[in-house]
Amino acid sequence: MRLFANRMFAAGNVSGFLSSLARGGLQFVIIIWLQGIWLPRHGVPFEATPLWSGIYTTPLDLGFILLGPIAGAMSDRYGARVFASGGMLIAAVGFVLLALLPVDFDRLPFLAILALIGVGMGLFASPNTTSVMNAAPAHERGAASGIRATFQNSATVLSIAVFFGILTTGLAARLPLIMTRGLESLGISAPIAHQAASTPPISVLFAAFLGYNPLQTLIPQSATSTLHTHAKELIFGTQFFPELIAPAVQDGLHLAFYVAAALSVLAACASLFRGKRYISEE
């Protein structure tokens, strides 16, 4: 614990924790967005959505790979504060831009924003790690590395719970009304539509994520006996359910991205507190 008496060490670990919390939530939410909503709506078969989700998130890694080594080399000369703090502010801007996208986005803006966030994270990661390790005496850098890894990994795990809760909270707020109106517009009776719309939001989210249309079991076949054949095929098909819940999911997505942006700004503030370039032996 005495290592935290060093301002650079403490600020680096706090900013690293907040950065990992924001980044872990981003990856989780974007995969659900792509795999459960966007890709099925654009005709990608459900068995191929995991692969294409990975492909669409590639710009995030490319931005990180491109800027990480450059930022690390520059921080060795000029210190970590400017690069780490600036990187988190860039990431915050990227999260806000993601929140402004519609749920049915165009490819190029989406990919460009992911690349921007990757650049921001790349600017942060290496300088912050170097700063944390430089702040510790040589004989305690093993412990310092363990503390840094603990902060980073615990934040990544915690982010799943935090952002999943945010996403489902936003989904629950609008899902019942949207599902009820959508089903009624296709001729499903109000009681049956209301019963289907009362499905827990977590169940709806995982059904979309796994490529399963729960309307096949939530709506009795007898309730569709008077419907036109096209309406039946639409309700029980693979694209209608993602389109039905998309407006409700959008609220949860936007809330999650705004929270990630706020965490990134807090990480930038903590990084600014670290002070100028410092190496323990010097």
Protein backbone atom coordinates (compact mmCIF):
# COMPACT_ATOMS: atom_id res chain seq x y z
CA MET A 1 0.00 0.00 0.00
CA ARG A 2 2.90 2.38 0.51
CA LEU A 3 3.38 2.51 -3.25
CA PHE A 4 0.16 4.51 -3.45
CA ALA A 5 1.84 7.32 -1.54
CA ASN A 6 3.51 8.09 -4.86
CA ARG A 7 1.12 10.34 -6.81
CA MET A 8 2.23 9.02 -10.20
CA PHE A 9 1.67 5.42 -9.17
CA ALA A 10 -1.75 6.09 -7.64
CA ALA A 11 -2.98 8.25 -10.51
CA GLY A 12 -1.77 5.73 -13.10
CA ASN A 13 -3.60 2.86 -11.46
CA VAL A 14 -6.82 4.81 -10.99
CA SER A 15 -6.81 6.04 -14.58
CA GLY A 16 -5.99 2.51 -15.78
CA PHE A 17 -8.91 1.11 -13.80
CA LEU A 18 -11.35 3.65 -15.27
CA SER A 19 -10.00 3.11 -18.79
CA SER A 20 -10.40 -0.67 -18.56
CA LEU A 21 -13.90 -0.23 -17.15
CA ALA A 22 -14.91 1.89 -20.14
CA ARG A 23 -13.14 -0.30 -22.73
CA GLY A 24 -14.53 -3.60 -21.44
CA GLY A 25 -18.07 -2.24 -21.54
CA LEU A 26 -17.54 -0.96 -25.07
CA GLN A 27 -16.53 -4.36 -26.43
CA PHE A 28 -19.41 -6.10 -24.68
CA VAL A 29 -22.08 -3.65 -25.84
CA ILE A 30 -20.84 -3.43 -29.43
CA ILE A 31 -20.83 -7.20 -29.87
CA ILE A 32 -24.46 -7.37 -28.69
CA TRP A 33 -25.32 -4.46 -30.99
CA LEU A 34 -23.74 -6.11 -34.02
CA GLN A 35 -24.55 -9.75 -33.39
CA GLY A 36 -28.06 -9.31 -32.03
CA ILE A 37 -29.41 -6.35 -34.00
CA TRP A 38 -27.43 -4.85 -36.87
CA LEU A 39 -26.07 -7.89 -38.70
CA PRO A 40 -29.37 -9.87 -38.72
CA ARG A 41 -31.20 -6.78 -39.98
CA HIS A 42 -28.77 -6.64 -42.91
CA GLY A 43 -29.32 -10.22 -43.94
CA VAL A 44 -26.29 -11.89 -42.33
CA PRO A 45 -27.18 -15.47 -41.29
CA PHE A 46 -27.16 -15.93 -37.54
CA GLU A 47 -24.49 -18.63 -37.70
CA ALA A 48 -22.15 -16.08 -39.34
CA THR A 49 -22.82 -13.13 -36.99
CA PRO A 50 -20.04 -13.97 -34.48
CA LEU A 51 -17.44 -13.97 -37.25
CA TRP A 52 -18.68 -10.71 -38.78
CA SER A 53 -18.91 -9.07 -35.36
CA GLY A 54 -15.20 -9.73 -34.96
CA ILE A 55 -14.47 -8.39 -38.43
CA TYR A 56 -16.42 -5.18 -37.84
CA THR A 57 -14.55 -4.47 -34.60
CA THR A 58 -11.14 -4.81 -36.28
CA PRO A 59 -10.62 -1.01 -36.60
CA LEU A 60 -10.59 -0.79 -32.81
CA ASP A 61 -7.57 -3.09 -32.70
CA LEU A 62 -5.87 -1.47 -35.67
CA GLY A 63 -6.02 1.97 -34.07
CA PHE A 64 -4.59 0.52 -30.86
CA ILE A 65 -1.79 -1.34 -32.67
CA LEU A 66 -0.84 1.69 -34.73
CA LEU A 67 -0.65 4.27 -31.92
CA GLY A 68 0.45 2.07 -29.01
CA PRO A 69 4.15 1.74 -29.93
CA ILE A 70 4.38 5.35 -31.10
CA ALA A 71 2.86 6.69 -27.90
CA GLY A 72 5.12 4.46 -25.80
CA ALA A 73 8.25 5.77 -27.52
CA MET A 74 7.14 9.38 -27.25
CA SER A 75 6.23 9.04 -23.57
CA ASP A 76 9.77 7.80 -22.85
CA ARG A 77 11.01 11.20 -24.01
CA TYR A 78 8.28 13.59 -22.89
CA GLY A 79 6.40 11.82 -20.10
CA ALA A 80 3.08 10.02 -20.00
CA ARG A 81 0.66 12.72 -18.86
CA VAL A 82 -0.06 14.42 -22.19
CA PHE A 83 -0.38 11.20 -24.20
CA ALA A 84 -2.40 9.24 -21.64
CA SER A 85 -4.77 12.10 -20.82
CA GLY A 86 -5.17 13.08 -24.46
CA GLY A 87 -5.83 9.48 -25.44
CA MET A 88 -8.69 9.12 -22.95
CA LEU A 89 -10.24 12.39 -24.12
CA ILE A 90 -10.11 11.11 -27.70
CA ALA A 91 -11.77 7.88 -26.56
CA ALA A 92 -14.47 9.90 -24.77
CA VAL A 93 -15.22 11.77 -28.00
CA GLY A 94 -15.48 8.43 -29.80
CA PHE A 95 -17.98 7.09 -27.24
CA VAL A 96 -20.14 10.19 -27.64
CA LEU A 97 -20.07 9.80 -31.42
CA LEU A 98 -21.16 6.17 -31.05
CA ALA A 99 -24.06 7.32 -28.88
CA LEU A 100 -25.14 9.70 -31.64
CA LEU A 101 -25.30 6.94 -34.26
CA PRO A 102 -28.71 5.42 -35.04
CA VAL A 103 -29.14 1.77 -34.20
CA ASP A 104 -29.21 1.02 -37.96
CA PHE A 105 -25.97 2.85 -38.74
CA ASP A 106 -23.94 3.27 -41.92
CA ARG A 107 -20.77 1.20 -42.05
CA LEU A 108 -18.12 3.83 -42.71
CA PRO A 109 -18.95 6.22 -39.82
CA PHE A 110 -19.16 3.28 -37.44
CA LEU A 111 -15.81 1.86 -38.50
CA ALA A 112 -14.18 5.31 -38.40
CA ILE A 113 -15.42 5.90 -34.84
CA LEU A 114 -14.11 2.52 -33.69
CA ALA A 115 -10.72 3.40 -35.19
CA LEU A 116 -10.79 6.73 -33.33
CA ILE A 117 -11.49 4.98 -30.03
CA GLY A 118 -8.69 2.52 -30.76
CA VAL A 119 -6.31 5.43 -31.38
CA GLY A 120 -7.30 6.98 -28.06
CA MET A 121 -6.84 3.73 -26.16
CA GLY A 122 -3.50 3.18 -27.91
CA LEU A 123 -2.30 6.62 -26.85
CA PHE A 124 -3.23 5.81 -23.26
CA ALA A 125 -2.18 2.22 -22.63
CA SER A 126 1.58 2.13 -23.11
CA PRO A 127 2.39 5.54 -21.56
CA ASN A 128 0.22 4.78 -18.56
CA THR A 129 1.86 1.40 -17.96
CA THR A 130 5.32 2.93 -18.29
CA SER A 131 4.42 5.68 -15.87
CA VAL A 132 3.14 3.24 -13.26
CA MET A 133 6.23 1.07 -13.47
CA ASN A 134 8.64 4.01 -13.46
CA ALA A 135 7.05 5.32 -10.28
CA ALA A 136 7.99 2.20 -8.30
CA PRO A 137 11.51 1.47 -6.98
CA ALA A 138 13.30 -1.26 -8.92
CA HIS A 139 13.09 -3.80 -6.07
CA GLU A 140 9.28 -3.35 -5.86
CA ARG A 141 8.37 -3.42 -9.54
CA GLY A 142 7.12 -6.99 -9.33
CA ALA A 143 4.53 -5.90 -6.78
CA ALA A 144 3.81 -2.76 -8.80
CA SER A 145 3.15 -4.84 -11.90
CA GLY A 146 0.83 -7.12 -9.96
CA ILE A 147 -1.14 -4.17 -8.61
CA ARG A 148 -1.45 -2.65 -12.08
CA ALA A 149 -2.66 -5.95 -13.55
CA THR A 150 -5.15 -6.39 -10.70
CA PHE A 151 -6.67 -2.96 -11.29
CA GLN A 152 -6.90 -3.56 -15.03
CA ASN A 153 -8.35 -7.08 -14.92
CA SER A 154 -10.81 -6.40 -12.12
CA ALA A 155 -12.14 -3.41 -14.06
CA THR A 156 -12.60 -5.54 -17.18
CA VAL A 157 -14.62 -8.10 -15.23
CA LEU A 158 -16.63 -5.45 -13.42
CA SER A 159 -17.44 -3.70 -16.68
CA ILE A 160 -19.51 -6.68 -17.86
CA ALA A 161 -21.82 -6.38 -14.86
CA VAL A 162 -21.99 -2.59 -15.04
CA PHE A 163 -22.71 -2.26 -18.74
CA PHE A 164 -25.01 -5.27 -18.92
CA GLY A 165 -27.07 -3.67 -16.15
CA ILE A 166 -27.11 -0.34 -17.99
CA LEU A 167 -28.11 -1.99 -21.26
CA THR A 168 -30.96 -3.99 -19.74
CA THR A 169 -32.20 -0.97 -17.77
CA GLY A 170 -32.50 1.07 -20.93
CA LEU A 171 -34.11 -1.88 -22.72
CA ALA A 172 -36.72 -2.45 -20.00
CA ALA A 173 -37.87 1.15 -20.09
CA ARG A 174 -39.31 0.97 -23.64
CA LEU A 175 -39.47 -2.70 -24.59
CA PRO A 176 -43.03 -3.57 -23.43
CA LEU A 177 -44.68 -0.69 -25.27
CA ILE A 178 -42.62 -1.13 -28.44
CA MET A 179 -43.24 -4.88 -28.64
CA THR A 180 -46.96 -4.47 -27.95
CA ARG A 181 -47.43 -1.84 -30.65
CA GLY A 182 -45.31 -3.72 -33.16
CA LEU A 183 -47.24 -6.96 -32.75
CA GLU A 184 -50.62 -5.25 -32.77
CA SER A 185 -49.73 -3.48 -36.03
CA LEU A 186 -49.44 -6.90 -37.68
CA GLY A 187 -52.80 -8.10 -36.40
CA ILE A 188 -51.92 -9.84 -33.13
CA SER A 189 -54.63 -9.28 -30.53
CA ALA A 190 -53.89 -6.85 -27.70
CA PRO A 191 -53.92 -9.47 -24.87
CA ILE A 192 -51.53 -11.80 -26.73
CA ALA A 193 -49.26 -8.91 -27.73
CA HIS A 194 -49.18 -7.61 -24.14
CA GLN A 195 -48.36 -11.08 -22.81
CA ALA A 196 -45.48 -11.49 -25.28
CA ALA A 197 -44.19 -8.01 -24.44
CA SER A 198 -44.02 -8.84 -20.72
CA THR A 199 -41.05 -11.15 -21.37
CA PRO A 200 -38.09 -10.16 -19.15
CA PRO A 201 -35.71 -7.85 -21.03
CA ILE A 202 -32.70 -10.08 -20.28
CA SER A 203 -34.43 -12.98 -22.03
CA VAL A 204 -35.15 -10.78 -25.04
CA LEU A 205 -31.56 -9.56 -25.17
CA PHE A 206 -30.04 -13.03 -25.07
CA ALA A 207 -32.56 -14.35 -27.59
CA ALA A 208 -31.45 -11.68 -30.06
CA PHE A 209 -27.79 -12.31 -29.24
CA LEU A 210 -28.15 -16.06 -29.86
CA GLY A 211 -30.17 -15.63 -33.05
CA TYR A 212 -33.40 -17.05 -31.64
CA ASN A 213 -36.85 -15.59 -32.31
CA PRO A 214 -38.81 -16.12 -29.06
CA LEU A 215 -42.06 -15.07 -30.75
CA GLN A 216 -42.27 -18.62 -32.05
CA THR A 217 -43.10 -19.76 -28.52
CA LEU A 218 -44.53 -16.55 -27.01
CA ILE A 219 -47.31 -16.28 -29.60
CA PRO A 220 -49.64 -19.29 -29.93
CA GLN A 221 -50.26 -20.56 -33.43
CA SER A 222 -53.99 -20.10 -32.86
CA ALA A 223 -53.42 -16.34 -32.42
CA THR A 224 -52.11 -16.12 -35.99
CA SER A 225 -54.74 -18.31 -37.67
CA THR A 226 -56.58 -15.32 -39.13
CA LEU A 227 -53.45 -13.50 -40.30
CA HIS A 228 -52.23 -13.33 -43.87
CA THR A 229 -49.47 -15.80 -44.75
CA HIS A 230 -46.99 -12.98 -45.30
CA ALA A 231 -47.67 -11.59 -41.82
CA LYS A 232 -47.09 -15.00 -40.25
CA GLU A 233 -43.81 -15.48 -42.08
CA LEU A 234 -42.73 -12.00 -41.04
CA ILE A 235 -43.51 -12.46 -37.33
CA PHE A 236 -41.80 -15.81 -37.05
CA GLY A 237 -38.93 -15.03 -39.44
CA THR A 238 -35.34 -14.16 -38.55
CA GLN A 239 -35.33 -10.42 -39.26
CA PHE A 240 -38.57 -9.18 -37.67
CA PHE A 241 -37.59 -9.72 -34.04
CA PRO A 242 -34.30 -7.74 -34.21
CA GLU A 243 -36.16 -4.93 -36.01
CA LEU A 244 -38.93 -5.02 -33.41
CA ILE A 245 -36.67 -4.58 -30.38
CA ALA A 246 -34.11 -2.28 -32.05
CA PRO A 247 -35.65 1.03 -30.83
CA ALA A 248 -35.65 -0.22 -27.23
CA VAL A 249 -32.09 -1.55 -27.49
CA GLN A 250 -31.00 1.82 -28.86
CA ASP A 251 -31.86 3.53 -25.57
CA GLY A 252 -29.71 1.10 -23.64
CA LEU A 253 -26.85 1.46 -26.12
CA HIS A 254 -26.85 5.25 -25.92
CA LEU A 255 -26.90 5.20 -22.13
CA ALA A 256 -24.00 2.73 -22.05
CA PHE A 257 -21.89 4.82 -24.43
CA TYR A 258 -22.50 8.01 -22.46
CA VAL A 259 -21.41 6.24 -19.27
CA ALA A 260 -18.28 4.99 -21.06
CA ALA A 261 -17.55 8.55 -22.20
CA ALA A 262 -17.91 9.83 -18.63
CA LEU A 263 -15.55 7.12 -17.36
CA SER A 264 -13.02 8.09 -20.03
CA VAL A 265 -13.14 11.75 -18.98
CA LEU A 266 -12.61 10.72 -15.35
CA ALA A 267 -9.65 8.59 -16.46
CA ALA A 268 -8.19 11.60 -18.28
CA CYS A 269 -8.59 13.74 -15.15
CA ALA A 270 -6.89 11.11 -13.00
CA SER A 271 -4.08 10.89 -15.56
CA LEU A 272 -3.53 14.65 -15.44
CA PHE A 273 -3.02 14.36 -11.70
CA ARG A 274 0.04 12.11 -12.14
CA GLY A 275 2.47 15.00 -12.59
CA LYS A 276 5.48 15.39 -14.87
CA ARG A 277 7.86 12.71 -16.12
CA TYR A 278 9.43 10.78 -13.25
CA ILE A 279 11.63 7.68 -12.86
CA SER A 280 12.11 6.28 -9.37
CA GLU A 281 15.89 5.70 -9.57
CA GLU A 282 16.46 9.25 -10.78
